Amino acid sequence: MSRPNIILTGFMGTGKSTLGRLLAKRIGYDFVDTDALIEAQAGQSITNLFKTQGEAAFRKLEAELVKNLARKQGLVVATGGGLVLNPDNVEALNETGHIICLTATPKEILSRVSRQKDSRPLLAEKDPRARINTLLRQRDSIYKQFTQVSTSNTTPEQLIVTVVNIIDALQSQKTGSP
């Protein structure tokens, strides 16, 4: 029986890694965090990778990783927030499973990521709030192409139920079964 991957994407700080771990455990899938895999492969943090090799090198590593993940089944994948900016990544991930975009309010995102500023290279600026709003506007049309689930004002348990129901519905649509 096919075990389509569940890909959680969305802006930084929307809960992809947190929800991904819990969801994978609940449904018996393996959990993969693309940023963590890239850090392990590169032997350095994402922040250092951005500083030493640039964003383009990071995006290239992401694309290579997506090709490898697309060959597997039974994964819950938490992507980096910009991974879906590359249409080839989206195509490969769509072929292997279902993409769900997690969302949160800008205020909630800022609250969550402000505790991790050092590991968020795209927010290494004087005004992270403005940067979050700018990036959200730039990515809005891309994120909107996926089924969206808000992680603001909800519990992880509620989110797991919501995502499982969405995946069941998406899987039924793909297979044509009720």
C-alpha atoms as a PDB file:
ATOM      1  CA  MET A   1       0.000   0.000   0.000  1.00  0.00           C
ATOM      2  CA  SER A   2       1.234   3.457  -0.881  1.00  0.00           C
ATOM      3  CA  ARG A   3       2.315   5.718   1.954  1.00  0.00           C
ATOM      4  CA  PRO A   4       2.379   9.212   0.464  1.00  0.00           C
ATOM      5  CA  ASN A   5       4.661  11.700   2.093  1.00  0.00           C
ATOM      6  CA  ILE A   6       3.197  14.573   4.058  1.00  0.00           C
ATOM      7  CA  ILE A   7       5.097  17.764   3.407  1.00  0.00           C
ATOM      8  CA  LEU A   8       4.685  20.646   5.831  1.00  0.00           C
ATOM      9  CA  THR A   9       5.761  23.945   4.388  1.00  0.00           C
ATOM     10  CA  GLY A  10       5.186  27.562   5.255  1.00  0.00           C
ATOM     11  CA  PHE A  11       6.988  30.538   6.677  1.00  0.00           C
ATOM     12  CA  MET A  12       9.587  30.189   9.424  1.00  0.00           C
ATOM     13  CA  GLY A  13       8.080  29.964  12.872  1.00  0.00           C
ATOM     14  CA  THR A  14       4.772  28.443  11.786  1.00  0.00           C
ATOM     15  CA  GLY A  15       5.450  25.155  13.584  1.00  0.00           C
ATOM     16  CA  LYS A  16       6.537  22.861  10.772  1.00  0.00           C
ATOM     17  CA  SER A  17       9.200  21.008  12.768  1.00  0.00           C
ATOM     18  CA  THR A  18       7.199  20.846  15.988  1.00  0.00           C
ATOM     19  CA  LEU A  19       4.024  19.618  14.319  1.00  0.00           C
ATOM     20  CA  GLY A  20       5.987  17.377  11.955  1.00  0.00           C
ATOM     21  CA  ARG A  21       7.609  15.430  14.782  1.00  0.00           C
ATOM     22  CA  LEU A  22       4.309  14.959  16.598  1.00  0.00           C
ATOM     23  CA  LEU A  23       2.412  14.042  13.442  1.00  0.00           C
ATOM     24  CA  ALA A  24       5.034  11.506  12.332  1.00  0.00           C
ATOM     25  CA  LYS A  25       4.942   9.811  15.721  1.00  0.00           C
ATOM     26  CA  ARG A  26       1.133   9.717  15.692  1.00  0.00           C
ATOM     27  CA  ILE A  27       0.789   8.153  12.221  1.00  0.00           C
ATOM     28  CA  GLY A  28       3.898   5.958  12.277  1.00  0.00           C
ATOM     29  CA  TYR A  29       5.895   7.808   9.632  1.00  0.00           C
ATOM     30  CA  ASP A  30       9.534   8.858   9.779  1.00  0.00           C
ATOM     31  CA  PHE A  31      10.194  12.556  10.363  1.00  0.00           C
ATOM     32  CA  VAL A  32      12.590  14.595   8.231  1.00  0.00           C
ATOM     33  CA  ASP A  33      13.549  18.233   8.752  1.00  0.00           C
ATOM     34  CA  THR A  34      15.167  19.518   5.561  1.00  0.00           C
ATOM     35  CA  ASP A  35      17.108  22.281   7.319  1.00  0.00           C
ATOM     36  CA  ALA A  36      18.549  19.789   9.846  1.00  0.00           C
ATOM     37  CA  LEU A  37      19.569  17.416   7.043  1.00  0.00           C
ATOM     38  CA  ILE A  38      21.260  20.230   5.136  1.00  0.00           C
ATOM     39  CA  GLU A  39      23.119  21.321   8.273  1.00  0.00           C
ATOM     40  CA  ALA A  40      24.326  17.751   8.786  1.00  0.00           C
ATOM     41  CA  GLN A  41      25.346  17.407   5.138  1.00  0.00           C
ATOM     42  CA  ALA A  42      27.132  20.776   5.054  1.00  0.00           C
ATOM     43  CA  GLY A  43      28.715  20.311   8.467  1.00  0.00           C
ATOM     44  CA  GLN A  44      27.619  23.788   9.538  1.00  0.00           C
ATOM     45  CA  SER A  45      24.552  25.730  10.588  1.00  0.00           C
ATOM     46  CA  ILE A  46      22.202  27.299   8.061  1.00  0.00           C
ATOM     47  CA  THR A  47      23.334  30.704   9.329  1.00  0.00           C
ATOM     48  CA  ASN A  48      27.001  29.884   8.665  1.00  0.00           C
ATOM     49  CA  LEU A  49      26.130  28.349   5.311  1.00  0.00           C
ATOM     50  CA  PHE A  50      24.376  31.584   4.295  1.00  0.00           C
ATOM     51  CA  LYS A  51      27.397  33.615   5.480  1.00  0.00           C
ATOM     52  CA  THR A  52      30.129  31.471   3.917  1.00  0.00           C
ATOM     53  CA  GLN A  53      28.507  30.205   0.714  1.00  0.00           C
ATOM     54  CA  GLY A  54      25.417  32.357   0.212  1.00  0.00           C
ATOM     55  CA  GLU A  55      21.730  31.692  -0.177  1.00  0.00           C
ATOM     56  CA  ALA A  56      22.151  30.289  -3.709  1.00  0.00           C
ATOM     57  CA  ALA A  57      24.394  27.481  -2.419  1.00  0.00           C
ATOM     58  CA  PHE A  58      21.881  26.710   0.309  1.00  0.00           C
ATOM     59  CA  ARG A  59      19.014  26.584  -2.218  1.00  0.00           C
ATOM     60  CA  LYS A  60      21.059  24.219  -4.392  1.00  0.00           C
ATOM     61  CA  LEU A  61      21.515  21.849  -1.444  1.00  0.00           C
ATOM     62  CA  GLU A  62      17.770  22.061  -0.794  1.00  0.00           C
ATOM     63  CA  ALA A  63      16.975  21.094  -4.385  1.00  0.00           C
ATOM     64  CA  GLU A  64      19.323  18.095  -4.243  1.00  0.00           C
ATOM     65  CA  LEU A  65      17.744  16.970  -0.987  1.00  0.00           C
ATOM     66  CA  VAL A  66      14.224  17.257  -2.413  1.00  0.00           C
ATOM     67  CA  LYS A  67      15.174  14.975  -5.312  1.00  0.00           C
ATOM     68  CA  ASN A  68      16.328  12.351  -2.803  1.00  0.00           C
ATOM     69  CA  LEU A  69      13.261  12.701  -0.572  1.00  0.00           C
ATOM     70  CA  ALA A  70      10.937  12.432  -3.574  1.00  0.00           C
ATOM     71  CA  ARG A  71      12.124   8.843  -4.051  1.00  0.00           C
ATOM     72  CA  LYS A  72      10.885   7.828  -0.601  1.00  0.00           C
ATOM     73  CA  GLN A  73       7.527   7.116   1.000  1.00  0.00           C
ATOM     74  CA  GLY A  74       6.131   7.263   4.509  1.00  0.00           C
ATOM     75  CA  LEU A  75       7.777  10.535   5.527  1.00  0.00           C
ATOM     76  CA  VAL A  76       6.564  13.643   7.265  1.00  0.00           C
ATOM     77  CA  VAL A  77       8.825  16.340   5.847  1.00  0.00           C
ATOM     78  CA  ALA A  78       9.231  19.761   7.459  1.00  0.00           C
ATOM     79  CA  THR A  79      10.675  22.054   4.822  1.00  0.00           C
ATOM     80  CA  GLY A  80      12.600  25.243   5.195  1.00  0.00           C
ATOM     81  CA  GLY A  81      10.338  28.238   4.625  1.00  0.00           C
ATOM     82  CA  GLY A  82      11.805  29.045   1.206  1.00  0.00           C
ATOM     83  CA  LEU A  83      12.063  25.524  -0.205  1.00  0.00           C
ATOM     84  CA  VAL A  84       8.803  25.873  -2.147  1.00  0.00           C
ATOM     85  CA  LEU A  85      10.038  29.032  -3.883  1.00  0.00           C
ATOM     86  CA  ASN A  86      11.641  26.678  -6.414  1.00  0.00           C
ATOM     87  CA  PRO A  87       8.910  25.271  -8.730  1.00  0.00           C
ATOM     88  CA  ASP A  88      11.008  22.139  -9.380  1.00  0.00           C
ATOM     89  CA  ASN A  89      10.956  21.381  -5.642  1.00  0.00           C
ATOM     90  CA  VAL A  90       7.178  21.795  -5.562  1.00  0.00           C
ATOM     91  CA  GLU A  91       6.721  19.496  -8.557  1.00  0.00           C
ATOM     92  CA  ALA A  92       8.910  16.778  -7.045  1.00  0.00           C
ATOM     93  CA  LEU A  93       7.185  16.993  -3.665  1.00  0.00           C
ATOM     94  CA  ASN A  94       3.706  16.984  -5.205  1.00  0.00           C
ATOM     95  CA  GLU A  95       4.534  13.748  -7.015  1.00  0.00           C
ATOM     96  CA  THR A  96       5.486  12.014  -3.785  1.00  0.00           C
ATOM     97  CA  GLY A  97       2.778  13.242  -1.447  1.00  0.00           C
ATOM     98  CA  HIS A  98       0.654  16.057  -0.131  1.00  0.00           C
ATOM     99  CA  ILE A  99       1.891  19.564   0.627  1.00  0.00           C
ATOM    100  CA  ILE A 100       0.263  21.471   3.470  1.00  0.00           C
ATOM    101  CA  CYS A 101       1.205  25.062   4.203  1.00  0.00           C
ATOM    102  CA  LEU A 102       1.219  26.064   7.859  1.00  0.00           C
ATOM    103  CA  THR A 103       0.427  29.689   8.555  1.00  0.00           C
ATOM    104  CA  ALA A 104       0.512  32.014  11.546  1.00  0.00           C
ATOM    105  CA  THR A 105      -0.008  35.694  12.120  1.00  0.00           C
ATOM    106  CA  PRO A 106       3.057  37.925  11.676  1.00  0.00           C
ATOM    107  CA  LYS A 107       2.850  38.764  15.384  1.00  0.00           C
ATOM    108  CA  GLU A 108       2.877  35.071  16.320  1.00  0.00           C
ATOM    109  CA  ILE A 109       5.761  34.366  13.930  1.00  0.00           C
ATOM    110  CA  LEU A 110       7.814  37.193  15.420  1.00  0.00           C
ATOM    111  CA  SER A 111       7.123  35.926  18.925  1.00  0.00           C
ATOM    112  CA  ARG A 112       8.193  32.387  18.012  1.00  0.00           C
ATOM    113  CA  VAL A 113      11.319  33.243  16.004  1.00  0.00           C
ATOM    114  CA  SER A 114      12.581  36.014  18.270  1.00  0.00           C
ATOM    115  CA  ARG A 115      13.724  33.263  20.624  1.00  0.00           C
ATOM    116  CA  GLN A 116      15.845  31.823  17.780  1.00  0.00           C
ATOM    117  CA  LYS A 117      17.168  34.906  15.965  1.00  0.00           C
ATOM    118  CA  ASP A 118      20.688  33.501  15.713  1.00  0.00           C
ATOM    119  CA  SER A 119      19.454  30.526  13.687  1.00  0.00           C
ATOM    120  CA  ARG A 120      17.284  32.629  11.353  1.00  0.00           C
ATOM    121  CA  PRO A 121      19.637  34.202   8.778  1.00  0.00           C
ATOM    122  CA  LEU A 122      16.832  35.886   6.853  1.00  0.00           C
ATOM    123  CA  LEU A 123      15.954  37.871   9.987  1.00  0.00           C
ATOM    124  CA  ALA A 124      19.445  39.149  10.732  1.00  0.00           C
ATOM    125  CA  GLU A 125      18.297  42.727  10.329  1.00  0.00           C
ATOM    126  CA  LYS A 126      17.504  45.705  12.534  1.00  0.00           C
ATOM    127  CA  ASP A 127      13.753  45.376  12.046  1.00  0.00           C
ATOM    128  CA  PRO A 128      12.760  41.701  11.946  1.00  0.00           C
ATOM    129  CA  ARG A 129       9.042  42.595  12.068  1.00  0.00           C
ATOM    130  CA  ALA A 130       9.327  44.528   8.799  1.00  0.00           C
ATOM    131  CA  ARG A 131      11.390  41.726   7.252  1.00  0.00           C
ATOM    132  CA  ILE A 132       8.763  39.133   8.227  1.00  0.00           C
ATOM    133  CA  ASN A 133       6.005  41.236   6.666  1.00  0.00           C
ATOM    134  CA  THR A 134       8.034  41.782   3.482  1.00  0.00           C
ATOM    135  CA  LEU A 135       8.857  38.086   3.083  1.00  0.00           C
ATOM    136  CA  LEU A 136       5.268  37.045   3.797  1.00  0.00           C
ATOM    137  CA  ARG A 137       4.018  39.423   1.091  1.00  0.00           C
ATOM    138  CA  GLN A 138       6.619  38.118  -1.376  1.00  0.00           C
ATOM    139  CA  ARG A 139       5.732  34.474  -0.699  1.00  0.00           C
ATOM    140  CA  ASP A 140       1.984  34.847  -0.307  1.00  0.00           C
ATOM    141  CA  SER A 141       1.028  33.756  -3.834  1.00  0.00           C
ATOM    142  CA  ILE A 142       3.296  30.718  -3.591  1.00  0.00           C
ATOM    143  CA  TYR A 143       2.042  29.626  -0.182  1.00  0.00           C
ATOM    144  CA  LYS A 144      -1.590  30.078  -1.267  1.00  0.00           C
ATOM    145  CA  GLN A 145      -1.295  27.350  -3.893  1.00  0.00           C
ATOM    146  CA  PHE A 146      -1.260  24.763  -1.068  1.00  0.00           C
ATOM    147  CA  THR A 147      -3.898  23.725   1.449  1.00  0.00           C
ATOM    148  CA  GLN A 148      -3.403  26.083   4.392  1.00  0.00           C
ATOM    149  CA  VAL A 149      -3.673  25.374   8.110  1.00  0.00           C
ATOM    150  CA  SER A 150      -3.297  28.144  10.692  1.00  0.00           C
ATOM    151  CA  THR A 151      -1.159  27.305  13.707  1.00  0.00           C
ATOM    152  CA  SER A 152      -2.166  30.455  15.592  1.00  0.00           C
ATOM    153  CA  ASN A 153      -4.463  30.068  18.598  1.00  0.00           C
ATOM    154  CA  THR A 154      -4.617  26.274  18.485  1.00  0.00           C
ATOM    155  CA  THR A 155      -2.998  23.290  20.163  1.00  0.00           C
ATOM    156  CA  PRO A 156      -0.673  20.721  18.602  1.00  0.00           C
ATOM    157  CA  GLU A 157      -3.317  18.039  19.221  1.00  0.00           C
ATOM    158  CA  GLN A 158      -5.949  20.036  17.326  1.00  0.00           C
ATOM    159  CA  LEU A 159      -3.475  20.588  14.497  1.00  0.00           C
ATOM    160  CA  ILE A 160      -2.703  16.881  14.220  1.00  0.00           C
ATOM    161  CA  VAL A 161      -6.416  16.070  13.887  1.00  0.00           C
ATOM    162  CA  THR A 162      -6.856  18.832  11.297  1.00  0.00           C
ATOM    163  CA  VAL A 163      -3.863  17.718   9.222  1.00  0.00           C
ATOM    164  CA  VAL A 164      -4.839  14.021   9.345  1.00  0.00           C
ATOM    165  CA  ASN A 165      -8.355  14.914   8.156  1.00  0.00           C
ATOM    166  CA  ILE A 166      -6.942  17.031   5.327  1.00  0.00           C
ATOM    167  CA  ILE A 167      -4.550  14.273   4.260  1.00  0.00           C
ATOM    168  CA  ASP A 168      -7.382  11.730   4.270  1.00  0.00           C
ATOM    169  CA  ALA A 169      -9.466  14.041   2.065  1.00  0.00           C
ATOM    170  CA  LEU A 170      -6.567  14.745  -0.314  1.00  0.00           C
ATOM    171  CA  GLN A 171      -5.747  11.047  -0.562  1.00  0.00           C
ATOM    172  CA  SER A 172      -9.391  10.244  -1.360  1.00  0.00           C
ATOM    173  CA  GLN A 173      -9.345  12.856  -4.126  1.00  0.00           C
ATOM    174  CA  LYS A 174      -6.172  11.379  -5.624  1.00  0.00           C
ATOM    175  CA  THR A 175      -7.440   7.799  -5.532  1.00  0.00           C
ATOM    176  CA  GLY A 176     -11.035   8.643  -6.398  1.00  0.00           C
ATOM    177  CA  SER A 177     -12.392   6.813  -3.359  1.00  0.00           C
ATOM    178  CA  PRO A 178     -14.961   8.370  -1.011  1.00  0.00           C
END
